[in-house]
């Protein structure tokens, strides 16, 4: 055994069930030593998983990659999807383990397997690295960011499979999936689709699982909450903060839309700020939850007496409370502003009905509450002009001198002024004096 392989085994762990010759075929060149050292670090971090392999099972190769799904990467931030799909591909003499990992290679909750008889082919990608898996059920999962040397080595070892049983018939059993979910605690096979089991069936484990359906419903209520429930803490917190900001903005937009009587605008705000984000996050969270099982306890519980983890960590509860306060405060402020603008609506209605004193009194109340925008002032002055109150209209419109306003509104005001010949004459006689 070479000195390089001895150092590699010392880092990886001599007590682990490793096929040293298959795992470390490299010589003593610089790049070969770097690849071997990197693989040894990955294996040392995967120790909690590799210690739970089946009796007699040995590891033949390990690589890190990112499982790519177009829809997931499209509807979530690329870096978030990249982090959530980082996977260790552990090839043994019996199966290919897919272990969700952190960026440093430490294993996370989700663990799946593909038995070698279900693995038809490993196809390395010639450009930019990565590989395709061709499975018996017709699925072709794609992994990016797999170094080309590792992808090629995985393909070679998967094709040789010296101890693998004969291949199953193409497509496997009717309705079966080539990728199978494993218990995140003991690595026992959990039959059926992810979410169909409430706890591990292994009597020595019995750890309870989190429900993908519950996670999706939580995300439909408030985006991000379901992701935190599935222990995607960073992504869930980011998404929750974004959903709170959307709700705060929506509160003010809805108040403005209701104030203007725009039913179409109300529908648009509800659709794009409330409904669509929840539908998208419901589907995305359900997809994330069905990748594999996530534990609801901190350790296996033989006999079923599990000490459950809290559904949400303490910091998440504080975040939820802060979000509720932010949305509640925004809603109160939006309703208050809409209430204050009621005086402006009253002023407009009175002006259009030619009730001058009532209109001016209501307008001054709205001014005192600082809810009169530039265009509001212009529309109120236009209403006074149309009912023949030139002097009062000029007083209302005076603050708009030199202030940009809607082009259509400005033209309408000019057109109304044109109906007053005396006002035009007065302006023409005053103009030379001003010059």
Protein backbone atom coordinates (compact mmCIF):
# COMPACT_ATOMS: atom_id res chain seq x y z
CA UNK A 1 0.00 0.00 0.00
CA UNK A 2 1.41 3.40 -0.96
CA UNK A 3 2.28 6.11 1.54
CA UNK A 4 -0.41 8.26 -0.09
CA UNK A 5 -3.10 5.64 0.56
CA UNK A 6 -1.95 5.18 4.16
CA UNK A 7 -2.32 8.92 4.82
CA UNK A 8 -5.69 8.89 3.07
CA UNK A 9 -7.00 6.05 5.25
CA UNK A 10 -5.77 7.78 8.39
CA UNK A 11 -7.87 10.83 7.52
CA UNK A 12 -10.94 8.92 6.33
CA UNK A 13 -10.99 6.48 9.24
CA UNK A 14 -9.54 2.97 9.26
CA UNK A 15 -12.51 1.61 11.20
CA UNK A 16 -14.96 2.41 8.40
CA UNK A 17 -15.95 -0.26 5.84
CA UNK A 18 -13.90 1.09 2.92
CA UNK A 19 -12.59 -0.52 -0.25
CA UNK A 20 -9.25 1.28 -0.17
CA UNK A 21 -8.11 0.09 -3.60
CA UNK A 22 -11.29 1.34 -5.29
CA UNK A 23 -11.48 4.57 -3.30
CA UNK A 24 -7.87 5.57 -3.75
CA UNK A 25 -6.57 4.38 -7.13
CA UNK A 26 -4.45 7.49 -7.64
CA UNK A 27 -0.69 7.58 -7.63
CA UNK A 28 1.49 10.11 -5.80
CA UNK A 29 1.14 13.00 -8.25
CA UNK A 30 0.15 16.43 -6.94
CA UNK A 31 -3.38 16.48 -8.42
CA UNK A 32 -3.95 12.86 -7.48
CA UNK A 33 -2.98 13.53 -3.88
CA UNK A 34 -5.33 16.51 -3.76
CA UNK A 35 -8.26 14.46 -5.06
CA UNK A 36 -7.55 11.66 -2.59
CA UNK A 37 -7.25 14.10 0.34
CA UNK A 38 -10.52 15.79 -0.62
CA UNK A 39 -12.31 12.43 -0.80
CA UNK A 40 -10.86 11.43 2.58
CA UNK A 41 -12.28 14.61 4.16
CA UNK A 42 -15.71 13.88 2.69
CA UNK A 43 -15.65 10.34 4.05
CA UNK A 44 -14.61 11.51 7.52
CA UNK A 45 -17.59 13.91 7.62
CA UNK A 46 -19.92 11.16 6.40
CA UNK A 47 -18.84 8.88 9.27
CA UNK A 48 -22.29 9.01 11.04
CA UNK A 49 -23.85 7.59 7.86
CA UNK A 50 -21.15 5.11 6.88
CA UNK A 51 -21.19 3.53 10.33
CA UNK A 52 -24.79 2.41 9.67
CA UNK A 53 -24.23 0.50 6.43
CA UNK A 54 -25.56 -3.02 6.02
CA UNK A 55 -23.37 -5.86 7.43
CA UNK A 56 -20.55 -6.60 5.02
CA UNK A 57 -21.26 -3.56 2.82
CA UNK A 58 -18.20 -1.56 1.75
CA UNK A 59 -17.77 1.91 0.24
CA UNK A 60 -16.15 2.02 -3.21
CA UNK A 61 -16.33 5.71 -4.07
CA UNK A 62 -17.62 9.06 -2.78
CA UNK A 63 -18.33 12.28 -4.69
CA UNK A 64 -20.23 15.51 -4.05
CA UNK A 65 -22.72 17.01 -6.50
CA UNK A 66 -25.88 19.10 -6.76
CA UNK A 67 -29.09 17.49 -7.97
CA UNK A 68 -30.56 19.78 -10.60
CA UNK A 69 -34.28 20.25 -11.18
CA UNK A 70 -35.16 23.11 -13.52
CA UNK A 71 -38.44 24.14 -11.85
CA UNK A 72 -36.90 24.22 -8.39
CA UNK A 73 -33.94 26.33 -9.49
CA UNK A 74 -36.27 28.60 -11.48
CA UNK A 75 -38.79 29.33 -8.71
CA UNK A 76 -36.26 29.71 -5.89
CA UNK A 77 -33.02 31.61 -5.72
CA UNK A 78 -30.24 29.71 -7.51
CA UNK A 79 -27.87 29.74 -4.53
CA UNK A 80 -30.66 28.54 -2.22
CA UNK A 81 -31.54 25.66 -4.55
CA UNK A 82 -27.85 24.82 -4.96
CA UNK A 83 -27.40 24.63 -1.18
CA UNK A 84 -30.62 22.63 -0.62
CA UNK A 85 -29.69 20.04 -3.28
CA UNK A 86 -26.05 19.44 -2.37
CA UNK A 87 -25.72 15.65 -2.25
CA UNK A 88 -23.02 13.14 -1.38
CA UNK A 89 -23.05 10.23 -3.83
CA UNK A 90 -21.75 7.22 -1.91
CA UNK A 91 -21.23 4.17 -4.12
CA UNK A 92 -21.00 0.87 -2.24
CA UNK A 93 -20.84 -2.68 -3.50
CA UNK A 94 -24.66 -2.86 -3.17
CA UNK A 95 -26.19 0.55 -3.79
CA UNK A 96 -25.72 4.23 -4.48
CA UNK A 97 -26.54 6.31 -1.40
CA UNK A 98 -27.77 9.88 -1.94
CA UNK A 99 -27.09 11.83 1.25
CA UNK A 100 -28.13 15.49 1.55
CA UNK A 101 -25.15 17.51 2.78
CA UNK A 102 -24.16 20.92 3.98
CA UNK A 103 -21.60 22.89 2.00
CA UNK A 104 -18.75 21.41 4.09
CA UNK A 105 -19.90 17.84 3.40
CA UNK A 106 -21.57 17.22 6.77
CA UNK A 107 -24.68 15.04 6.28
CA UNK A 108 -28.15 16.50 6.71
CA UNK A 109 -31.48 14.76 7.27
CA UNK A 110 -32.57 13.46 3.85
CA UNK A 111 -31.11 10.11 2.76
CA UNK A 112 -32.12 7.93 -0.20
CA UNK A 113 -30.74 4.91 -2.00
CA UNK A 114 -30.65 3.37 -5.47
CA UNK A 115 -29.89 -0.33 -5.48
CA UNK A 116 -27.32 -1.31 -8.09
CA UNK A 117 -29.84 -3.55 -9.85
CA UNK A 118 -31.96 -0.41 -10.39
CA UNK A 119 -29.01 1.63 -11.69
CA UNK A 120 -28.83 1.14 -15.43
CA UNK A 121 -25.98 3.52 -16.22
CA UNK A 122 -23.90 6.40 -14.92
CA UNK A 123 -23.19 8.85 -17.75
CA UNK A 124 -20.49 11.47 -17.05
CA UNK A 125 -21.08 14.86 -18.63
CA UNK A 126 -18.24 15.71 -20.96
CA UNK A 127 -18.51 19.49 -20.67
CA UNK A 128 -18.58 21.42 -17.34
CA UNK A 129 -18.61 18.20 -15.27
CA UNK A 130 -21.61 16.49 -13.71
CA UNK A 131 -23.36 13.21 -14.48
CA UNK A 132 -26.68 11.62 -15.42
CA UNK A 133 -28.06 8.52 -13.73
CA UNK A 134 -30.22 6.23 -15.85
CA UNK A 135 -32.59 4.26 -13.60
CA UNK A 136 -34.75 1.20 -14.19
CA UNK A 137 -37.96 3.17 -13.67
CA UNK A 138 -37.07 5.51 -16.52
CA UNK A 139 -35.94 8.42 -14.36
CA UNK A 140 -32.73 10.24 -15.31
CA UNK A 141 -31.63 12.41 -12.37
CA UNK A 142 -28.90 14.90 -13.20
CA UNK A 143 -26.17 16.07 -10.83
CA UNK A 144 -24.09 19.16 -11.52
CA UNK A 145 -20.82 20.24 -9.88
CA UNK A 146 -19.44 16.68 -9.83
CA UNK A 147 -15.72 16.90 -10.74
CA UNK A 148 -15.05 15.19 -14.04
CA UNK A 149 -12.58 12.72 -12.54
CA UNK A 150 -15.09 11.67 -9.89
CA UNK A 151 -17.92 11.33 -12.42
CA UNK A 152 -15.74 9.13 -14.62
CA UNK A 153 -14.67 6.99 -11.67
CA UNK A 154 -18.27 6.53 -10.52
CA UNK A 155 -19.25 5.42 -14.02
CA UNK A 156 -16.40 2.89 -14.17
CA UNK A 157 -17.16 1.38 -10.77
CA UNK A 158 -20.92 1.29 -11.35
CA UNK A 159 -20.38 -0.50 -14.64
CA UNK A 160 -18.05 -3.10 -13.13
CA UNK A 161 -20.18 -3.82 -9.99
CA UNK A 162 -18.29 -7.05 -9.18
CA UNK A 163 -20.60 -8.19 -6.38
CA UNK A 164 -23.88 -6.75 -7.70
CA UNK A 165 -26.80 -9.10 -8.41
CA UNK A 166 -28.20 -9.46 -11.89
CA UNK A 167 -30.06 -6.49 -13.30
CA UNK A 168 -33.81 -6.36 -12.71
CA UNK A 169 -36.11 -6.27 -15.76
CA UNK A 170 -36.33 -2.85 -17.37
CA UNK A 171 -38.63 -0.57 -15.46
CA UNK A 172 -38.67 -2.69 -12.28
CA UNK A 173 -41.91 -3.71 -10.62
CA UNK A 174 -45.01 -1.88 -11.90
CA UNK A 175 -45.39 1.47 -10.17
CA UNK A 176 -42.16 1.10 -8.19
CA UNK A 177 -39.51 3.77 -7.90
CA UNK A 178 -35.82 3.06 -8.33
CA UNK A 179 -35.00 5.66 -5.71
CA UNK A 180 -36.03 4.59 -2.20
CA UNK A 181 -36.31 6.69 0.95
CA UNK A 182 -34.27 5.79 4.03
CA UNK A 183 -34.78 6.57 7.69
CA UNK A 184 -32.60 9.61 8.48
CA UNK A 185 -31.58 8.09 11.83
CA UNK A 186 -30.88 4.38 11.21
CA UNK A 187 -30.75 4.15 7.38
CA UNK A 188 -33.48 1.50 7.31
CA UNK A 189 -35.63 1.35 4.19
CA UNK A 190 -38.97 3.17 4.54
CA UNK A 191 -41.37 1.58 2.03
CA UNK A 192 -43.79 3.64 -0.02
CA UNK A 193 -43.76 7.27 -1.04
CA UNK A 194 -42.20 9.88 1.22
CA UNK A 195 -44.88 11.13 3.61
CA UNK A 196 -46.79 7.85 3.78
CA UNK A 197 -45.02 6.79 7.01
CA UNK A 198 -45.29 8.64 10.31
CA UNK A 199 -42.29 6.90 11.90
CA UNK A 200 -39.49 4.47 11.13
CA UNK A 201 -40.68 0.86 11.04
CA UNK A 202 -37.41 -0.44 12.52
CA UNK A 203 -38.27 -1.50 16.12
CA UNK A 204 -34.82 -0.42 17.25
CA UNK A 205 -35.40 3.09 15.92
CA UNK A 206 -39.07 4.19 15.63
CA UNK A 207 -38.03 7.82 15.18
CA UNK A 208 -41.02 9.98 14.07
CA UNK A 209 -40.97 11.89 10.78
CA UNK A 210 -42.15 15.33 9.77
CA UNK A 211 -45.07 15.49 7.36
CA UNK A 212 -44.53 17.00 3.87
CA UNK A 213 -48.27 17.70 3.66
CA UNK A 214 -48.26 19.65 6.91
CA UNK A 215 -45.20 21.60 5.75
CA UNK A 216 -46.97 22.51 2.50
CA UNK A 217 -50.10 23.67 4.36
CA UNK A 218 -47.98 25.84 6.64
CA UNK A 219 -46.31 27.44 3.61
CA UNK A 220 -49.74 28.03 2.06
CA UNK A 221 -50.64 29.95 5.21
CA UNK A 222 -47.41 31.96 5.40
CA UNK A 223 -44.58 31.30 2.91
CA UNK A 224 -41.39 30.15 4.62
CA UNK A 225 -43.02 28.60 7.68
CA UNK A 226 -43.25 25.16 6.09
CA UNK A 227 -39.59 25.30 5.05
CA UNK A 228 -38.52 26.10 8.60
CA UNK A 229 -40.67 23.17 9.78
CA UNK A 230 -38.67 20.95 7.38
CA UNK A 231 -35.49 22.33 8.98
CA UNK A 232 -34.42 24.35 5.94
CA UNK A 233 -33.82 27.15 8.40
CA UNK A 234 -31.88 29.71 6.37
CA UNK A 235 -34.08 29.38 3.28
CA UNK A 236 -37.29 29.39 5.33
CA UNK A 237 -36.29 32.48 7.31
CA UNK A 238 -35.34 34.34 4.13
CA UNK A 239 -38.64 33.39 2.51
CA UNK A 240 -40.65 34.30 5.62
CA UNK A 241 -39.12 37.78 5.78
CA UNK A 242 -39.87 38.25 2.07
CA UNK A 243 -43.50 37.19 2.57
CA UNK A 244 -43.88 39.62 5.48
CA UNK A 245 -42.55 42.48 3.34
CA UNK A 246 -45.02 41.55 0.58
CA UNK A 247 -47.92 41.54 3.05
CA UNK A 248 -46.91 44.93 4.46
CA UNK A 249 -46.76 46.43 0.97
CA UNK A 250 -50.03 44.72 0.04
CA UNK A 251 -51.78 46.28 3.06
CA UNK A 252 -51.05 49.81 1.82
CA UNK A 253 -51.79 48.96 -1.82
CA UNK A 254 -55.13 47.43 -0.86
CA UNK A 255 -56.01 50.49 1.21
CA UNK A 256 -55.23 52.73 -1.77
CA UNK A 257 -57.15 50.47 -4.16
CA UNK A 258 -60.22 50.39 -1.92
CA UNK A 259 -59.99 54.15 -1.45
CA UNK A 260 -59.99 54.66 -5.22
CA UNK A 261 -62.76 52.13 -5.72
CA UNK A 262 -60.61 50.05 -8.07
CA UNK A 263 -61.94 46.50 -7.92
CA UNK A 264 -59.51 45.39 -10.64
CA UNK A 265 -56.54 46.81 -8.72
CA UNK A 266 -57.71 45.05 -5.55
CA UNK A 267 -57.80 41.77 -7.47
CA UNK A 268 -54.32 42.33 -8.92
CA UNK A 269 -52.85 43.10 -5.49
CA UNK A 270 -54.48 40.04 -3.91
CA UNK A 271 -53.33 37.82 -6.77
CA UNK A 272 -49.69 38.91 -7.01
CA UNK A 273 -48.96 39.77 -3.38
CA UNK A 274 -51.06 37.18 -1.53
CA UNK A 275 -52.42 34.30 -3.62
CA UNK A 276 -49.67 33.48 -6.14
CA UNK A 277 -46.77 33.46 -3.60
CA UNK A 278 -48.74 31.00 -1.46
CA UNK A 279 -49.62 28.68 -4.32
CA UNK A 280 -46.00 28.63 -5.53
CA UNK A 281 -44.61 28.06 -2.04
CA UNK A 282 -47.18 25.35 -1.30
CA UNK A 283 -46.01 23.39 -4.35
CA UNK A 284 -42.32 24.11 -3.74
CA UNK A 285 -42.50 23.09 -0.06
CA UNK A 286 -44.41 19.91 -0.91
CA UNK A 287 -41.70 19.10 -3.45
CA UNK A 288 -38.96 19.77 -0.87
CA UNK A 289 -40.74 17.63 1.73
CA UNK A 290 -41.06 14.69 -0.66
CA UNK A 291 -37.31 14.51 -1.28
CA UNK A 292 -36.87 12.36 1.81
CA UNK A 293 -37.74 11.96 5.46
CA UNK A 294 -36.89 14.58 8.09
CA UNK A 295 -36.92 13.50 11.77
CA UNK A 296 -39.22 14.95 14.40
CA UNK A 297 -37.10 13.66 17.28
CA UNK A 298 -33.52 14.22 18.33
CA UNK A 299 -32.64 10.52 18.61
CA UNK A 300 -34.05 7.04 17.87
CA UNK A 301 -36.66 5.81 20.34
CA UNK A 302 -36.85 2.01 20.63
CA UNK A 303 -40.38 1.04 21.53
CA UNK A 304 -41.76 4.30 20.14
CA UNK A 305 -41.10 6.51 23.19
CA UNK A 306 -39.54 9.36 21.21
CA UNK A 307 -38.54 12.70 22.67
CA UNK A 308 -39.85 14.93 19.94
CA UNK A 309 -38.06 18.03 18.82
CA UNK A 310 -40.00 21.27 18.80
CA UNK A 311 -41.64 21.78 15.41
CA UNK A 312 -39.91 25.19 15.30
CA UNK A 313 -36.77 26.43 17.10
CA UNK A 314 -37.06 29.29 19.57
CA UNK A 315 -35.56 31.87 17.23
CA UNK A 316 -38.20 30.98 14.61
CA UNK A 317 -41.02 31.66 17.07
CA UNK A 318 -39.47 35.08 17.79
CA UNK A 319 -39.23 35.69 14.03
CA UNK A 320 -42.90 34.74 13.58
CA UNK A 321 -43.91 37.14 16.37
CA UNK A 322 -41.89 39.98 14.80
CA UNK A 323 -43.47 39.26 11.42
CA UNK A 324 -46.98 39.26 12.90
CA UNK A 325 -46.28 42.61 14.57
CA UNK A 326 -44.93 44.07 11.32
CA UNK A 327 -47.94 42.93 9.28
CA UNK A 328 -50.39 43.99 12.02
CA UNK A 329 -48.76 47.39 12.33
CA UNK A 330 -48.82 47.88 8.56
CA UNK A 331 -52.48 46.90 8.40
CA UNK A 332 -53.37 49.35 11.19
CA UNK A 333 -51.39 52.12 9.51
CA UNK A 334 -52.99 51.38 6.13
CA UNK A 335 -56.51 51.35 7.59
CA UNK A 336 -55.74 54.57 9.47
CA UNK A 337 -54.56 56.25 6.31
CA UNK A 338 -57.63 55.05 4.42
CA UNK A 339 -59.82 56.40 7.23
CA UNK A 340 -58.05 59.76 7.13
CA UNK A 341 -58.56 59.92 3.37
CA UNK A 342 -62.29 59.52 3.93
CA UNK A 343 -62.35 63.29 4.54
CA UNK A 344 -60.83 63.79 1.08
CA UNK A 345 -63.48 61.57 -0.52
CA UNK A 346 -66.14 63.56 1.35
CA UNK A 347 -64.64 66.81 0.03
CA UNK A 348 -64.68 65.54 -3.56
CA UNK A 349 -68.28 64.36 -3.30
CA UNK A 350 -69.41 67.72 -1.82
CA UNK A 351 -67.51 69.71 -4.48
CA UNK A 352 -69.06 67.72 -7.30
CA UNK A 353 -72.51 68.30 -5.71
CA UNK A 354 -71.76 72.06 -5.47
CA UNK A 355 -71.83 72.15 -1.66
CA UNK A 356 -68.94 74.59 -1.36
CA UNK A 357 -68.74 75.14 2.41
CA UNK A 358 -69.00 71.43 3.16
CA UNK A 359 -66.39 70.63 0.49
CA UNK A 360 -63.86 73.17 1.78
CA UNK A 361 -64.32 72.11 5.40
CA UNK A 362 -63.72 68.44 4.54
CA UNK A 363 -60.72 69.32 2.35
CA UNK A 364 -59.08 71.31 5.14
CA UNK A 365 -59.57 68.35 7.51
CA UNK A 366 -57.80 66.11 5.01
CA UNK A 367 -54.98 68.69 4.71
CA UNK A 368 -54.59 68.72 8.48
CA UNK A 369 -54.12 64.92 8.43
CA UNK A 370 -51.48 65.22 5.68
CA UNK A 371 -53.20 62.80 3.30
CA UNK A 372 -53.64 65.18 0.35
CA UNK A 373 -51.31 64.28 -2.52
CA UNK A 374 -50.49 66.56 -5.46
CA UNK A 375 -53.00 64.92 -7.78
CA UNK A 376 -55.65 64.89 -5.03
CA UNK A 377 -55.32 68.67 -4.79
CA UNK A 378 -55.51 68.99 -8.55
CA UNK A 379 -58.67 66.87 -8.80
CA UNK A 380 -60.36 68.81 -5.99
CA UNK A 381 -59.48 72.15 -7.61
CA UNK A 382 -60.80 70.83 -10.94
CA UNK A 383 -64.10 69.90 -9.26
CA UNK A 384 -64.40 73.46 -7.88
CA UNK A 385 -63.68 74.93 -11.32
CA UNK A 386 -66.37 72.78 -12.89
CA UNK A 387 -68.95 74.04 -10.38
CA UNK A 388 -68.02 77.67 -11.00
CA UNK A 389 -65.99 78.49 -7.87
CA UNK A 390 -63.01 80.14 -9.53
CA UNK A 391 -61.60 82.02 -6.53
CA UNK A 392 -61.73 78.99 -4.22
CA UNK A 393 -60.23 76.79 -6.94
CA UNK A 394 -57.31 79.18 -7.44
CA UNK A 395 -56.63 79.15 -3.71
CA UNK A 396 -56.63 75.35 -3.64
CA UNK A 397 -54.46 75.06 -6.76
CA UNK A 398 -51.95 77.77 -5.81
CA UNK A 399 -49.51 75.32 -4.07
CA UNK A 400 -49.24 73.38 -7.34
CA UNK A 401 -47.42 76.18 -9.19
CA UNK A 402 -44.30 74.62 -10.68
CA UNK A 403 -45.10 71.17 -9.25
CA UNK A 404 -45.30 68.32 -11.83
CA UNK A 405 -48.69 66.61 -12.02
CA UNK A 406 -50.49 64.17 -14.29
CA UNK A 407 -50.47 65.46 -17.88
CA UNK A 408 -54.13 64.58 -18.43
CA UNK A 409 -55.15 66.29 -15.20
CA UNK A 410 -53.17 69.44 -16.06
CA UNK A 411 -54.86 69.63 -19.48
CA UNK A 412 -58.29 69.27 -17.91
CA UNK A 413 -57.54 72.11 -15.46
CA UNK A 414 -56.31 74.34 -18.31
CA UNK A 415 -59.46 73.53 -20.28
CA UNK A 416 -61.65 74.55 -17.34
CA UNK A 417 -59.73 77.81 -16.87
CA UNK A 418 -60.41 78.57 -20.53
CA UNK A 419 -64.13 78.76 -19.66
CA UNK A 420 -63.45 81.88 -17.56
CA UNK A 421 -62.72 84.86 -19.95
CA UNK A 422 -62.30 87.28 -17.07
CA UNK A 423 -59.60 85.13 -15.55
CA UNK A 424 -57.72 85.03 -18.87
CA UNK A 425 -57.99 88.84 -19.30
CA UNK A 426 -56.76 89.42 -15.78
CA UNK A 427 -53.80 87.15 -16.36
CA UNK A 428 -52.91 88.97 -19.62
CA UNK A 429 -53.04 92.41 -17.95
CA UNK A 430 -50.96 91.28 -15.00
CA UNK A 431 -48.32 89.62 -17.16
CA UNK A 432 -46.68 92.86 -18.52
CA UNK A 433 -46.50 94.28 -15.02
CA UNK A 434 -44.75 91.15 -13.84
CA UNK A 435 -42.26 91.48 -16.67
